[in-house]
Amino acid sequence: MVASSTNSITFSWWLNDDVEGQRFIAKCRKKTGGDNISEELDIVEGKQQTHMIGYLSSNTAYLIGVYIGSVAYLPEVEFKTKAKRM
């Protein structure tokens, strides 16, 4: 997972054989509370998946997890978007 800009995050993960065909959702929330973003993830062919979540505030800590419905598939990970340069 990497902060790819001041307002986006890009993350990669591996798809297990036993969950193929499931609908995955990324849930992103500010660490301090407030904004919550949920996005259905487009699954591509192959095991490695890469996704970007945009429209985030700069220089802000977030928690993101990947879910199948309401069940966590990947635990939440903390990241911080890049600060705007002056």
N, C-alpha and C. Protein backbone atom coordinates (compact mmCIF):
# COMPACT_ATOMS: atom_id res chain seq x y z
N MET A 1 0.85 -1.16 0.00
CA MET A 1 0.00 0.00 0.00
C MET A 1 0.90 1.23 0.00
N VAL A 2 0.53 2.23 -0.83
CA VAL A 2 1.35 3.42 -0.92
C VAL A 2 0.46 4.64 -1.17
N ALA A 3 0.82 5.76 -0.57
CA ALA A 3 0.14 7.01 -0.87
C ALA A 3 0.66 7.46 -2.23
N SER A 4 -0.17 7.40 -3.25
CA SER A 4 0.29 7.67 -4.61
C SER A 4 0.22 9.14 -4.97
N SER A 5 -0.48 9.94 -4.19
CA SER A 5 -0.53 11.39 -4.43
C SER A 5 -1.03 12.05 -3.15
N THR A 6 -1.31 13.34 -3.23
CA THR A 6 -1.83 14.05 -2.06
C THR A 6 -3.27 13.68 -1.76
N ASN A 7 -3.96 13.06 -2.72
CA ASN A 7 -5.38 12.74 -2.48
C ASN A 7 -5.77 11.33 -2.90
N SER A 8 -4.79 10.41 -3.01
CA SER A 8 -5.13 9.03 -3.37
C SER A 8 -4.17 8.03 -2.75
N ILE A 9 -4.65 6.80 -2.70
CA ILE A 9 -3.86 5.67 -2.19
C ILE A 9 -3.98 4.53 -3.19
N THR A 10 -2.89 3.83 -3.44
CA THR A 10 -2.90 2.66 -4.31
C THR A 10 -2.48 1.46 -3.47
N PHE A 11 -3.22 0.36 -3.58
CA PHE A 11 -2.88 -0.82 -2.79
C PHE A 11 -3.03 -2.07 -3.64
N SER A 12 -2.19 -3.06 -3.31
CA SER A 12 -2.21 -4.34 -4.01
C SER A 12 -2.42 -5.45 -3.00
N TRP A 13 -3.05 -6.54 -3.44
CA TRP A 13 -3.30 -7.69 -2.58
C TRP A 13 -3.46 -8.91 -3.46
N TRP A 14 -3.39 -10.09 -2.82
CA TRP A 14 -3.46 -11.36 -3.54
C TRP A 14 -4.82 -12.00 -3.31
N LEU A 15 -5.40 -12.51 -4.37
CA LEU A 15 -6.70 -13.16 -4.34
C LEU A 15 -6.49 -14.66 -4.11
N ASN A 16 -7.10 -15.20 -3.05
CA ASN A 16 -7.02 -16.64 -2.77
C ASN A 16 -7.99 -17.41 -3.65
N ASP A 17 -7.65 -18.66 -3.96
CA ASP A 17 -8.50 -19.51 -4.79
C ASP A 17 -9.89 -19.70 -4.21
N ASP A 18 -9.99 -19.81 -2.90
CA ASP A 18 -11.26 -20.14 -2.27
C ASP A 18 -12.27 -19.00 -2.24
N VAL A 19 -11.90 -17.81 -2.73
CA VAL A 19 -12.83 -16.68 -2.72
C VAL A 19 -13.10 -16.12 -4.11
N GLU A 20 -12.67 -16.83 -5.14
CA GLU A 20 -12.93 -16.36 -6.49
C GLU A 20 -14.43 -16.26 -6.73
N GLY A 21 -14.84 -15.23 -7.44
CA GLY A 21 -16.25 -15.01 -7.73
C GLY A 21 -16.97 -14.19 -6.68
N GLN A 22 -16.33 -13.85 -5.58
CA GLN A 22 -16.94 -13.03 -4.53
C GLN A 22 -16.89 -11.55 -4.91
N ARG A 23 -17.75 -10.77 -4.29
CA ARG A 23 -17.74 -9.32 -4.45
C ARG A 23 -16.93 -8.73 -3.30
N PHE A 24 -15.94 -7.93 -3.64
CA PHE A 24 -15.06 -7.32 -2.64
C PHE A 24 -15.35 -5.83 -2.53
N ILE A 25 -15.24 -5.32 -1.31
CA ILE A 25 -15.46 -3.91 -1.05
C ILE A 25 -14.27 -3.38 -0.25
N ALA A 26 -13.75 -2.22 -0.66
CA ALA A 26 -12.73 -1.53 0.13
C ALA A 26 -13.44 -0.51 1.00
N LYS A 27 -13.13 -0.53 2.28
CA LYS A 27 -13.69 0.45 3.22
C LYS A 27 -12.55 1.30 3.74
N CYS A 28 -12.70 2.60 3.56
CA CYS A 28 -11.65 3.56 3.92
C CYS A 28 -12.27 4.59 4.85
N ARG A 29 -11.58 4.89 5.95
CA ARG A 29 -12.10 5.90 6.88
C ARG A 29 -10.95 6.68 7.49
N LYS A 30 -11.23 7.94 7.80
CA LYS A 30 -10.23 8.76 8.47
C LYS A 30 -9.96 8.16 9.84
N LYS A 31 -8.69 8.16 10.23
CA LYS A 31 -8.32 7.60 11.53
C LYS A 31 -8.96 8.39 12.67
N THR A 32 -9.15 9.68 12.47
CA THR A 32 -9.72 10.53 13.51
C THR A 32 -11.24 10.56 13.47
N GLY A 33 -11.84 9.77 12.60
CA GLY A 33 -13.30 9.74 12.48
C GLY A 33 -13.77 10.64 11.36
N GLY A 34 -15.03 10.55 11.05
CA GLY A 34 -15.57 11.41 10.00
C GLY A 34 -15.75 10.65 8.70
N ASP A 35 -15.02 11.07 7.68
CA ASP A 35 -15.23 10.54 6.32
C ASP A 35 -15.11 9.02 6.25
N ASN A 36 -16.08 8.40 5.59
CA ASN A 36 -16.06 6.97 5.30
C ASN A 36 -16.31 6.80 3.80
N ILE A 37 -15.51 5.97 3.17
CA ILE A 37 -15.66 5.69 1.75
C ILE A 37 -15.74 4.18 1.59
N SER A 38 -16.72 3.71 0.83
CA SER A 38 -16.82 2.29 0.48
C SER A 38 -16.88 2.20 -1.03
N GLU A 39 -16.04 1.34 -1.60
CA GLU A 39 -16.01 1.14 -3.04
C GLU A 39 -16.02 -0.33 -3.36
N GLU A 40 -16.89 -0.74 -4.29
CA GLU A 40 -16.82 -2.11 -4.77
C GLU A 40 -15.59 -2.21 -5.66
N LEU A 41 -14.82 -3.27 -5.50
CA LEU A 41 -13.57 -3.43 -6.25
C LEU A 41 -13.79 -4.25 -7.50
N ASP A 42 -13.25 -3.79 -8.61
CA ASP A 42 -13.26 -4.56 -9.84
C ASP A 42 -12.14 -5.58 -9.76
N ILE A 43 -12.49 -6.85 -9.88
CA ILE A 43 -11.50 -7.92 -9.80
C ILE A 43 -11.01 -8.22 -11.21
N VAL A 44 -9.70 -8.24 -11.39
CA VAL A 44 -9.10 -8.52 -12.69
C VAL A 44 -8.62 -9.96 -12.73
N GLU A 45 -8.37 -10.45 -13.92
CA GLU A 45 -7.88 -11.82 -14.08
C GLU A 45 -6.50 -11.95 -13.43
N GLY A 46 -6.26 -13.08 -12.80
CA GLY A 46 -5.00 -13.31 -12.12
C GLY A 46 -5.15 -13.16 -10.62
N LYS A 47 -4.11 -13.48 -9.91
CA LYS A 47 -4.16 -13.48 -8.44
C LYS A 47 -3.88 -12.11 -7.84
N GLN A 48 -2.96 -11.32 -8.45
CA GLN A 48 -2.62 -10.03 -7.86
C GLN A 48 -3.63 -8.97 -8.30
N GLN A 49 -4.15 -8.26 -7.32
CA GLN A 49 -5.13 -7.21 -7.55
C GLN A 49 -4.52 -5.87 -7.14
N THR A 50 -4.78 -4.82 -7.92
CA THR A 50 -4.29 -3.48 -7.60
C THR A 50 -5.44 -2.50 -7.77
N HIS A 51 -5.62 -1.63 -6.79
CA HIS A 51 -6.72 -0.68 -6.79
C HIS A 51 -6.25 0.67 -6.27
N MET A 52 -6.95 1.73 -6.70
CA MET A 52 -6.67 3.08 -6.22
C MET A 52 -7.95 3.67 -5.65
N ILE A 53 -7.83 4.32 -4.52
CA ILE A 53 -8.94 5.09 -3.95
C ILE A 53 -8.50 6.55 -3.99
N GLY A 54 -9.31 7.37 -4.61
CA GLY A 54 -8.98 8.78 -4.76
C GLY A 54 -9.91 9.68 -3.98
N TYR A 55 -9.78 10.96 -4.20
CA TYR A 55 -10.62 11.99 -3.59
C TYR A 55 -10.50 12.02 -2.07
N LEU A 56 -9.30 11.82 -1.57
CA LEU A 56 -9.04 11.86 -0.14
C LEU A 56 -8.39 13.19 0.22
N SER A 57 -8.42 13.54 1.49
CA SER A 57 -7.76 14.76 1.96
C SER A 57 -6.26 14.52 2.03
N SER A 58 -5.49 15.57 1.74
CA SER A 58 -4.03 15.45 1.79
C SER A 58 -3.55 15.42 3.24
N ASN A 59 -2.37 14.82 3.43
CA ASN A 59 -1.69 14.78 4.73
C ASN A 59 -2.62 14.28 5.85
N THR A 60 -3.37 13.21 5.56
CA THR A 60 -4.36 12.70 6.49
C THR A 60 -4.19 11.20 6.66
N ALA A 61 -4.29 10.72 7.90
CA ALA A 61 -4.18 9.29 8.19
C ALA A 61 -5.53 8.61 7.96
N TYR A 62 -5.48 7.45 7.28
CA TYR A 62 -6.68 6.67 6.99
C TYR A 62 -6.46 5.22 7.39
N LEU A 63 -7.56 4.52 7.58
CA LEU A 63 -7.56 3.07 7.77
C LEU A 63 -8.32 2.47 6.60
N ILE A 64 -7.75 1.45 5.97
CA ILE A 64 -8.42 0.80 4.85
C ILE A 64 -8.39 -0.70 5.03
N GLY A 65 -9.50 -1.35 4.71
CA GLY A 65 -9.60 -2.80 4.76
C GLY A 65 -10.37 -3.30 3.55
N VAL A 66 -10.20 -4.56 3.22
CA VAL A 66 -10.93 -5.18 2.12
C VAL A 66 -11.89 -6.20 2.72
N TYR A 67 -13.13 -6.16 2.27
CA TYR A 67 -14.20 -6.96 2.85
C TYR A 67 -14.94 -7.76 1.79
N ILE A 68 -15.48 -8.90 2.19
CA ILE A 68 -16.47 -9.64 1.40
C ILE A 68 -17.76 -9.43 2.18
N GLY A 69 -18.63 -8.59 1.67
CA GLY A 69 -19.81 -8.19 2.44
C GLY A 69 -19.37 -7.44 3.68
N SER A 70 -19.76 -7.90 4.84
CA SER A 70 -19.35 -7.25 6.09
C SER A 70 -18.21 -8.00 6.79
N VAL A 71 -17.70 -9.06 6.16
CA VAL A 71 -16.63 -9.87 6.76
C VAL A 71 -15.28 -9.40 6.23
N ALA A 72 -14.35 -9.13 7.13
CA ALA A 72 -13.02 -8.66 6.73
C ALA A 72 -12.27 -9.77 5.99
N TYR A 73 -11.81 -9.46 4.80
CA TYR A 73 -10.95 -10.38 4.04
C TYR A 73 -9.49 -10.03 4.30
N LEU A 74 -9.17 -8.74 4.30
CA LEU A 74 -7.86 -8.25 4.68
C LEU A 74 -8.04 -7.25 5.82
N PRO A 75 -7.29 -7.37 6.89
CA PRO A 75 -7.47 -6.46 8.03
C PRO A 75 -7.13 -5.02 7.65
N GLU A 76 -7.65 -4.10 8.44
CA GLU A 76 -7.37 -2.68 8.20
C GLU A 76 -5.89 -2.39 8.33
N VAL A 77 -5.44 -1.50 7.46
CA VAL A 77 -4.06 -1.04 7.48
C VAL A 77 -4.10 0.48 7.51
N GLU A 78 -3.20 1.09 8.27
CA GLU A 78 -3.14 2.54 8.36
C GLU A 78 -2.19 3.10 7.30
N PHE A 79 -2.58 4.21 6.68
CA PHE A 79 -1.71 4.91 5.75
C PHE A 79 -1.99 6.40 5.85
N LYS A 80 -1.10 7.18 5.29
CA LYS A 80 -1.25 8.64 5.31
C LYS A 80 -1.01 9.15 3.90
N THR A 81 -1.92 9.99 3.43
CA THR A 81 -1.73 10.61 2.11
C THR A 81 -0.61 11.63 2.18
N LYS A 82 -0.02 11.92 1.04
CA LYS A 82 1.09 12.86 0.98
C LYS A 82 0.61 14.28 1.29
N ALA A 83 1.53 15.08 1.84
CA ALA A 83 1.24 16.49 2.11
C ALA A 83 1.41 17.30 0.82
N LYS A 84 0.62 18.34 0.68
CA LYS A 84 0.77 19.26 -0.45
C LYS A 84 2.05 20.04 -0.26
N ARG A 85 2.77 20.21 -1.37
CA ARG A 85 4.01 21.01 -1.30
C ARG A 85 3.67 22.48 -1.40
N MET A 86 4.39 23.27 -0.65
CA MET A 86 4.17 24.73 -0.66
C MET A 86 4.94 25.36 -1.78
